[in-house]
Amino acid sequence: MKDFSILEEKIGVKFNDQDLLKQALVHRSYLNEHPDFELNNNERLEFLGDAVLEIEVTEYLFFNFPNKKEGELTNFRASLVNTKMLASVAEELNLEKFLYLSKGESQDKNTKARKSILANTVEAVVGAIYLDQGRERTQKFIEERIIKKFDYILKNELYLDPKSRFQEKAQEIEGITPHYKVLKESGPDHDKFFEVGLYLDKDLIAVGRGSSKQEAQIEAAQEVIKEKNW
């Protein structure tokens, strides 16, 4: 039996309808094993929460950075609502402890898949707060848990995607513009796997892997950023 009062305290919201909070934590895999469960999965709440989160973050950035162009504001917003950032919010709230997952999903420690589930759950929680408490209280939660991270993002230039960040540093420090080359491509069309090399001039400095060329390029850039402490 999950004690949702503990989670309500962490979130800072006492729900009028606690089933909304409970539903926000139901992953679809759980219902495959428990078809008689009294609530639906969290995907509709996630859909709503995603939209609410986007408008609140967009409004904050629009009014607080009046001199920034649209492209910069888009990067700022992406840095606040991406999977990694939202998953970190889920970890702070210890949402994983309250999730309804199938046995398979519970045992799967694939970091990428788990972070995606956690990020989606945060969006569902936002949707649940919005329905239960209205916009003002939802805004407060978003400010306290998500927007507060923006100073750290700005300070560490995390609003730059890894490829842009690496390119800026490579040009600044090495005087070279990096380029990428596909080293290996395998798998059927619906399930491709790529290995991509990251080069400075003719030197191969990192290899990234992923289910798309973009994903592999990002992994390669992240590897060098971490290695060089950029």
C-alpha atoms as a PDB file:
ATOM      1  CA  MET A   1       0.000   0.000   0.000  1.00  0.00           C
ATOM      2  CA  LYS A   2       1.516   3.300  -1.108  1.00  0.00           C
ATOM      3  CA  ASP A   3       1.279   6.225   1.303  1.00  0.00           C
ATOM      4  CA  PHE A   4       0.557   9.163  -1.015  1.00  0.00           C
ATOM      5  CA  SER A   5       0.496  11.635   1.875  1.00  0.00           C
ATOM      6  CA  ILE A   6       4.309  11.418   1.914  1.00  0.00           C
ATOM      7  CA  LEU A   7       4.422  12.320  -1.775  1.00  0.00           C
ATOM      8  CA  GLU A   8       1.858  15.084  -1.324  1.00  0.00           C
ATOM      9  CA  GLU A   9       4.129  16.603   1.318  1.00  0.00           C
ATOM     10  CA  LYS A  10       7.106  16.497  -1.052  1.00  0.00           C
ATOM     11  CA  ILE A  11       5.076  18.024  -3.876  1.00  0.00           C
ATOM     12  CA  GLY A  12       3.584  20.594  -1.533  1.00  0.00           C
ATOM     13  CA  VAL A  13       0.014  19.860  -2.591  1.00  0.00           C
ATOM     14  CA  LYS A  14      -2.815  18.263  -0.625  1.00  0.00           C
ATOM     15  CA  PHE A  15      -5.000  16.794  -3.363  1.00  0.00           C
ATOM     16  CA  ASN A  16      -8.765  17.133  -3.198  1.00  0.00           C
ATOM     17  CA  ASP A  17      -8.969  14.036  -5.395  1.00  0.00           C
ATOM     18  CA  GLN A  18      -6.036  11.808  -4.500  1.00  0.00           C
ATOM     19  CA  ASP A  19      -6.941   9.472  -7.371  1.00  0.00           C
ATOM     20  CA  LEU A  20      -5.602  12.124  -9.759  1.00  0.00           C
ATOM     21  CA  LEU A  21      -2.176  11.888  -8.134  1.00  0.00           C
ATOM     22  CA  LYS A  22      -2.418   8.105  -8.085  1.00  0.00           C
ATOM     23  CA  GLN A  23      -3.312   7.958 -11.778  1.00  0.00           C
ATOM     24  CA  ALA A  24      -0.353  10.204 -12.618  1.00  0.00           C
ATOM     25  CA  LEU A  25       1.863   7.391 -11.348  1.00  0.00           C
ATOM     26  CA  VAL A  26       0.324   4.518 -13.348  1.00  0.00           C
ATOM     27  CA  HIS A  27       2.533   3.404 -16.233  1.00  0.00           C
ATOM     28  CA  ARG A  28       0.705   1.606 -19.029  1.00  0.00           C
ATOM     29  CA  SER A  29       2.780  -1.556 -18.459  1.00  0.00           C
ATOM     30  CA  TYR A  30       1.170  -1.993 -15.042  1.00  0.00           C
ATOM     31  CA  LEU A  31      -2.304  -2.250 -16.561  1.00  0.00           C
ATOM     32  CA  ASN A  32      -1.149  -5.039 -18.869  1.00  0.00           C
ATOM     33  CA  GLU A  33      -0.575  -7.152 -15.747  1.00  0.00           C
ATOM     34  CA  HIS A  34      -3.475  -5.663 -13.747  1.00  0.00           C
ATOM     35  CA  PRO A  35      -6.344  -5.106 -16.217  1.00  0.00           C
ATOM     36  CA  ASP A  36      -8.839  -4.763 -13.351  1.00  0.00           C
ATOM     37  CA  PHE A  37      -6.961  -1.851 -11.753  1.00  0.00           C
ATOM     38  CA  GLU A  38      -9.421   0.914 -10.866  1.00  0.00           C
ATOM     39  CA  LEU A  39      -7.617   3.722 -12.723  1.00  0.00           C
ATOM     40  CA  ASN A  40      -6.386   4.361 -16.249  1.00  0.00           C
ATOM     41  CA  ASN A  41      -2.723   4.918 -17.134  1.00  0.00           C
ATOM     42  CA  ASN A  42      -1.087   8.337 -16.860  1.00  0.00           C
ATOM     43  CA  GLU A  43      -0.772   9.136 -20.568  1.00  0.00           C
ATOM     44  CA  ARG A  44      -3.711  11.569 -20.779  1.00  0.00           C
ATOM     45  CA  LEU A  45      -2.433  13.431 -17.706  1.00  0.00           C
ATOM     46  CA  GLU A  46       1.028  13.455 -19.276  1.00  0.00           C
ATOM     47  CA  PHE A  47      -0.452  14.990 -22.438  1.00  0.00           C
ATOM     48  CA  LEU A  48      -2.110  17.741 -20.415  1.00  0.00           C
ATOM     49  CA  GLY A  49       0.893  18.313 -18.151  1.00  0.00           C
ATOM     50  CA  ASP A  50       3.260  18.628 -21.106  1.00  0.00           C
ATOM     51  CA  ALA A  51       1.135  21.480 -22.517  1.00  0.00           C
ATOM     52  CA  VAL A  52       0.755  23.218 -19.139  1.00  0.00           C
ATOM     53  CA  LEU A  53       4.487  22.951 -18.457  1.00  0.00           C
ATOM     54  CA  GLU A  54       5.350  24.366 -21.860  1.00  0.00           C
ATOM     55  CA  ILE A  55       3.101  27.425 -21.521  1.00  0.00           C
ATOM     56  CA  GLU A  56       4.277  28.203 -17.973  1.00  0.00           C
ATOM     57  CA  VAL A  57       7.968  27.913 -18.865  1.00  0.00           C
ATOM     58  CA  THR A  58       7.426  29.838 -22.105  1.00  0.00           C
ATOM     59  CA  GLU A  59       5.641  32.662 -20.285  1.00  0.00           C
ATOM     60  CA  TYR A  60       8.389  32.856 -17.658  1.00  0.00           C
ATOM     61  CA  LEU A  61      11.117  33.084 -20.297  1.00  0.00           C
ATOM     62  CA  PHE A  62       9.149  35.547 -22.453  1.00  0.00           C
ATOM     63  CA  PHE A  63       8.715  38.070 -19.651  1.00  0.00           C
ATOM     64  CA  ASN A  64      12.070  37.578 -17.908  1.00  0.00           C
ATOM     65  CA  PHE A  65      14.273  37.710 -20.999  1.00  0.00           C
ATOM     66  CA  PRO A  66      12.777  40.490 -23.152  1.00  0.00           C
ATOM     67  CA  ASN A  67      15.960  40.963 -25.178  1.00  0.00           C
ATOM     68  CA  LYS A  68      16.454  37.330 -26.180  1.00  0.00           C
ATOM     69  CA  LYS A  69      15.521  36.146 -29.656  1.00  0.00           C
ATOM     70  CA  GLU A  70      13.110  33.315 -30.374  1.00  0.00           C
ATOM     71  CA  GLY A  71      15.873  30.780 -31.069  1.00  0.00           C
ATOM     72  CA  GLU A  72      17.593  31.480 -27.754  1.00  0.00           C
ATOM     73  CA  LEU A  73      14.308  31.279 -25.853  1.00  0.00           C
ATOM     74  CA  THR A  74      13.588  27.932 -27.525  1.00  0.00           C
ATOM     75  CA  ASN A  75      16.940  26.585 -26.353  1.00  0.00           C
ATOM     76  CA  PHE A  76      16.296  27.906 -22.842  1.00  0.00           C
ATOM     77  CA  ARG A  77      12.916  26.184 -22.736  1.00  0.00           C
ATOM     78  CA  ALA A  78      14.303  22.897 -24.041  1.00  0.00           C
ATOM     79  CA  SER A  79      16.947  22.918 -21.312  1.00  0.00           C
ATOM     80  CA  LEU A  80      14.238  23.167 -18.649  1.00  0.00           C
ATOM     81  CA  VAL A  81      11.758  20.603 -19.948  1.00  0.00           C
ATOM     82  CA  ASN A  82      14.003  17.936 -21.467  1.00  0.00           C
ATOM     83  CA  THR A  83      14.030  14.328 -20.278  1.00  0.00           C
ATOM     84  CA  LYS A  84      17.202  14.646 -18.245  1.00  0.00           C
ATOM     85  CA  MET A  85      16.017  17.705 -16.323  1.00  0.00           C
ATOM     86  CA  LEU A  86      12.511  16.370 -15.648  1.00  0.00           C
ATOM     87  CA  ALA A  87      13.927  13.005 -14.574  1.00  0.00           C
ATOM     88  CA  SER A  88      16.105  14.832 -12.040  1.00  0.00           C
ATOM     89  CA  VAL A  89      12.950  16.473 -10.654  1.00  0.00           C
ATOM     90  CA  ALA A  90      11.357  13.017 -10.369  1.00  0.00           C
ATOM     91  CA  GLU A  91      14.394  11.774  -8.465  1.00  0.00           C
ATOM     92  CA  GLU A  92      14.221  14.730  -6.055  1.00  0.00           C
ATOM     93  CA  LEU A  93      10.587  13.871  -5.371  1.00  0.00           C
ATOM     94  CA  ASN A  94      11.391  10.151  -5.131  1.00  0.00           C
ATOM     95  CA  LEU A  95       8.594   9.446  -7.624  1.00  0.00           C
ATOM     96  CA  GLU A  96      10.030   6.055  -8.546  1.00  0.00           C
ATOM     97  CA  LYS A  97       9.041   4.727  -5.134  1.00  0.00           C
ATOM     98  CA  PHE A  98       5.383   5.488  -5.923  1.00  0.00           C
ATOM     99  CA  LEU A  99       5.239   4.317  -9.546  1.00  0.00           C
ATOM    100  CA  TYR A 100       2.912   1.543 -10.685  1.00  0.00           C
ATOM    101  CA  LEU A 101       5.073  -0.478 -13.085  1.00  0.00           C
ATOM    102  CA  SER A 102       4.945  -3.969 -14.510  1.00  0.00           C
ATOM    103  CA  LYS A 103       7.395  -6.488 -13.063  1.00  0.00           C
ATOM    104  CA  GLY A 104       9.451  -6.242 -16.226  1.00  0.00           C
ATOM    105  CA  GLU A 105       9.634  -2.456 -16.116  1.00  0.00           C
ATOM    106  CA  SER A 106      10.389  -2.543 -12.381  1.00  0.00           C
ATOM    107  CA  GLN A 107      13.404  -4.763 -12.997  1.00  0.00           C
ATOM    108  CA  ASP A 108      14.624  -2.927 -16.078  1.00  0.00           C
ATOM    109  CA  LYS A 109      17.435  -0.658 -14.959  1.00  0.00           C
ATOM    110  CA  ASN A 110      18.073   0.707 -18.458  1.00  0.00           C
ATOM    111  CA  THR A 111      18.922   4.262 -17.514  1.00  0.00           C
ATOM    112  CA  LYS A 112      17.620   5.834 -20.715  1.00  0.00           C
ATOM    113  CA  ALA A 113      14.240   4.069 -20.582  1.00  0.00           C
ATOM    114  CA  ARG A 114      13.798   4.719 -16.864  1.00  0.00           C
ATOM    115  CA  LYS A 115      14.630   8.422 -17.213  1.00  0.00           C
ATOM    116  CA  SER A 116      11.991   8.694 -19.933  1.00  0.00           C
ATOM    117  CA  ILE A 117       9.363   7.079 -17.675  1.00  0.00           C
ATOM    118  CA  LEU A 118      10.305   9.406 -14.803  1.00  0.00           C
ATOM    119  CA  ALA A 119      10.199  12.519 -16.995  1.00  0.00           C
ATOM    120  CA  ASN A 120       6.801  11.547 -18.381  1.00  0.00           C
ATOM    121  CA  THR A 121       5.557  10.975 -14.836  1.00  0.00           C
ATOM    122  CA  VAL A 122       6.551  14.514 -13.827  1.00  0.00           C
ATOM    123  CA  GLU A 123       4.473  15.836 -16.727  1.00  0.00           C
ATOM    124  CA  ALA A 124       1.552  13.656 -15.578  1.00  0.00           C
ATOM    125  CA  VAL A 125       1.903  15.016 -12.035  1.00  0.00           C
ATOM    126  CA  VAL A 126       1.788  18.560 -13.437  1.00  0.00           C
ATOM    127  CA  GLY A 127      -1.406  17.614 -15.259  1.00  0.00           C
ATOM    128  CA  ALA A 128      -2.882  16.163 -12.061  1.00  0.00           C
ATOM    129  CA  ILE A 129      -2.069  19.296 -10.043  1.00  0.00           C
ATOM    130  CA  TYR A 130      -3.599  21.464 -12.747  1.00  0.00           C
ATOM    131  CA  LEU A 131      -6.877  19.535 -12.731  1.00  0.00           C
ATOM    132  CA  ASP A 132      -7.057  19.334  -8.954  1.00  0.00           C
ATOM    133  CA  GLN A 133      -5.747  22.750  -7.907  1.00  0.00           C
ATOM    134  CA  GLY A 134      -5.911  25.047 -10.930  1.00  0.00           C
ATOM    135  CA  ARG A 135      -3.316  27.116 -12.734  1.00  0.00           C
ATOM    136  CA  GLU A 136      -1.993  29.235  -9.857  1.00  0.00           C
ATOM    137  CA  ARG A 137      -0.942  26.287  -7.710  1.00  0.00           C
ATOM    138  CA  THR A 138       0.466  24.455 -10.736  1.00  0.00           C
ATOM    139  CA  GLN A 139       2.509  27.531 -11.573  1.00  0.00           C
ATOM    140  CA  LYS A 140       3.936  27.520  -8.049  1.00  0.00           C
ATOM    141  CA  PHE A 141       4.972  23.856  -8.347  1.00  0.00           C
ATOM    142  CA  ILE A 142       6.643  24.486 -11.712  1.00  0.00           C
ATOM    143  CA  GLU A 143       8.496  27.516 -10.336  1.00  0.00           C
ATOM    144  CA  GLU A 144       9.653  25.686  -7.196  1.00  0.00           C
ATOM    145  CA  ARG A 145      10.682  22.445  -8.861  1.00  0.00           C
ATOM    146  CA  ILE A 146      11.654  23.269 -12.451  1.00  0.00           C
ATOM    147  CA  ILE A 147      12.172  26.958 -13.162  1.00  0.00           C
ATOM    148  CA  LYS A 148      14.382  27.297 -10.071  1.00  0.00           C
ATOM    149  CA  LYS A 149      16.983  25.221 -11.928  1.00  0.00           C
ATOM    150  CA  PHE A 150      17.431  27.855 -14.596  1.00  0.00           C
ATOM    151  CA  ASP A 151      20.175  29.811 -12.829  1.00  0.00           C
ATOM    152  CA  TYR A 152      22.262  26.631 -12.766  1.00  0.00           C
ATOM    153  CA  ILE A 153      21.475  25.992 -16.438  1.00  0.00           C
ATOM    154  CA  LEU A 154      22.557  29.511 -17.406  1.00  0.00           C
ATOM    155  CA  LYS A 155      25.724  29.399 -15.320  1.00  0.00           C
ATOM    156  CA  ASN A 156      26.829  26.109 -16.885  1.00  0.00           C
ATOM    157  CA  GLU A 157      25.536  26.896 -20.395  1.00  0.00           C
ATOM    158  CA  LEU A 158      23.383  23.763 -20.306  1.00  0.00           C
ATOM    159  CA  TYR A 159      20.911  25.436 -22.657  1.00  0.00           C
ATOM    160  CA  LEU A 160      23.302  24.558 -25.463  1.00  0.00           C
ATOM    161  CA  ASP A 161      22.754  21.080 -26.859  1.00  0.00           C
ATOM    162  CA  PRO A 162      25.938  18.924 -26.645  1.00  0.00           C
ATOM    163  CA  LYS A 163      26.778  19.328 -30.337  1.00  0.00           C
ATOM    164  CA  SER A 164      26.485  23.127 -30.216  1.00  0.00           C
ATOM    165  CA  ARG A 165      28.373  23.261 -26.925  1.00  0.00           C
ATOM    166  CA  PHE A 166      31.219  21.139 -28.278  1.00  0.00           C
ATOM    167  CA  GLN A 167      31.409  23.086 -31.528  1.00  0.00           C
ATOM    168  CA  GLU A 168      31.676  26.403 -29.659  1.00  0.00           C
ATOM    169  CA  LYS A 169      34.429  25.067 -27.402  1.00  0.00           C
ATOM    170  CA  ALA A 170      36.326  23.387 -30.240  1.00  0.00           C
ATOM    171  CA  GLN A 171      36.314  26.585 -32.274  1.00  0.00           C
ATOM    172  CA  GLU A 172      37.273  28.688 -29.256  1.00  0.00           C
ATOM    173  CA  ILE A 173      40.045  26.456 -27.902  1.00  0.00           C
ATOM    174  CA  GLU A 174      41.259  24.412 -30.885  1.00  0.00           C
ATOM    175  CA  GLY A 175      40.349  26.780 -33.709  1.00  0.00           C
ATOM    176  CA  ILE A 176      38.745  23.869 -35.559  1.00  0.00           C
ATOM    177  CA  THR A 177      35.145  23.158 -36.534  1.00  0.00           C
ATOM    178  CA  PRO A 178      34.311  19.518 -35.703  1.00  0.00           C
ATOM    179  CA  HIS A 179      32.587  17.186 -38.134  1.00  0.00           C
ATOM    180  CA  TYR A 180      30.865  13.812 -37.912  1.00  0.00           C
ATOM    181  CA  LYS A 181      31.052  10.696 -40.061  1.00  0.00           C
ATOM    182  CA  VAL A 182      28.958   7.510 -39.967  1.00  0.00           C
ATOM    183  CA  LEU A 183      31.350   4.636 -39.244  1.00  0.00           C
ATOM    184  CA  LYS A 184      28.846   1.802 -39.122  1.00  0.00           C
ATOM    185  CA  GLU A 185      25.157   1.320 -39.853  1.00  0.00           C
ATOM    186  CA  SER A 186      23.270  -1.868 -39.061  1.00  0.00           C
ATOM    187  CA  GLY A 187      19.794  -3.284 -38.515  1.00  0.00           C
ATOM    188  CA  PRO A 188      16.550  -3.184 -40.527  1.00  0.00           C
ATOM    189  CA  ASP A 189      14.969   0.125 -41.572  1.00  0.00           C
ATOM    190  CA  HIS A 190      12.592   0.177 -38.593  1.00  0.00           C
ATOM    191  CA  ASP A 191      15.339  -0.558 -36.064  1.00  0.00           C
ATOM    192  CA  LYS A 192      18.562   1.061 -37.243  1.00  0.00           C
ATOM    193  CA  PHE A 193      21.743   1.341 -35.170  1.00  0.00           C
ATOM    194  CA  PHE A 194      24.487   3.836 -35.943  1.00  0.00           C
ATOM    195  CA  GLU A 195      28.106   4.342 -34.924  1.00  0.00           C
ATOM    196  CA  VAL A 196      29.293   7.865 -35.652  1.00  0.00           C
ATOM    197  CA  GLY A 197      32.790   9.272 -35.412  1.00  0.00           C
ATOM    198  CA  LEU A 198      33.516  12.786 -34.171  1.00  0.00           C
ATOM    199  CA  TYR A 199      36.531  14.361 -35.844  1.00  0.00           C
ATOM    200  CA  LEU A 200      38.698  17.401 -35.308  1.00  0.00           C
ATOM    201  CA  ASP A 201      40.378  17.898 -38.646  1.00  0.00           C
ATOM    202  CA  LYS A 202      41.441  14.337 -39.571  1.00  0.00           C
ATOM    203  CA  ASP A 203      41.661  13.053 -36.004  1.00  0.00           C
ATOM    204  CA  LEU A 204      38.939  10.739 -34.703  1.00  0.00           C
ATOM    205  CA  ILE A 205      38.413  11.846 -31.093  1.00  0.00           C
ATOM    206  CA  ALA A 206      35.220  10.026 -30.075  1.00  0.00           C
ATOM    207  CA  VAL A 207      32.674   7.468 -31.222  1.00  0.00           C
ATOM    208  CA  GLY A 208      28.981   7.696 -30.409  1.00  0.00           C
ATOM    209  CA  ARG A 209      26.265   5.084 -30.795  1.00  0.00           C
ATOM    210  CA  GLY A 210      22.510   5.370 -31.075  1.00  0.00           C
ATOM    211  CA  SER A 211      19.287   4.509 -32.861  1.00  0.00           C
ATOM    212  CA  SER A 212      19.662   7.617 -35.050  1.00  0.00           C
ATOM    213  CA  LYS A 213      22.591   9.557 -36.465  1.00  0.00           C
ATOM    214  CA  GLN A 214      21.627  12.538 -34.306  1.00  0.00           C
ATOM    215  CA  GLU A 215      21.567  10.429 -31.144  1.00  0.00           C
ATOM    216  CA  ALA A 216      24.980   8.958 -31.960  1.00  0.00           C
ATOM    217  CA  GLN A 217      26.441  12.400 -32.691  1.00  0.00           C
ATOM    218  CA  ILE A 218      25.140  13.753 -29.378  1.00  0.00           C
ATOM    219  CA  GLU A 219      26.656  10.827 -27.481  1.00  0.00           C
ATOM    220  CA  ALA A 220      30.048  11.405 -29.130  1.00  0.00           C
ATOM    221  CA  ALA A 221      29.954  15.128 -28.307  1.00  0.00           C
ATOM    222  CA  GLN A 222      28.913  14.407 -24.704  1.00  0.00           C
ATOM    223  CA  GLU A 223      31.815  11.995 -24.296  1.00  0.00           C
ATOM    224  CA  VAL A 224      34.394  14.610 -25.291  1.00  0.00           C
ATOM    225  CA  ILE A 225      32.742  17.361 -23.214  1.00  0.00           C
ATOM    226  CA  LYS A 226      32.937  15.115 -20.166  1.00  0.00           C
ATOM    227  CA  GLU A 227      36.508  14.006 -20.893  1.00  0.00           C
ATOM    228  CA  LYS A 228      37.789  17.546 -21.440  1.00  0.00           C
ATOM    229  CA  ASN A 229      35.606  19.010 -18.673  1.00  0.00           C
ATOM    230  CA  TRP A 230      34.097  21.508 -21.117  1.00  0.00           C
END
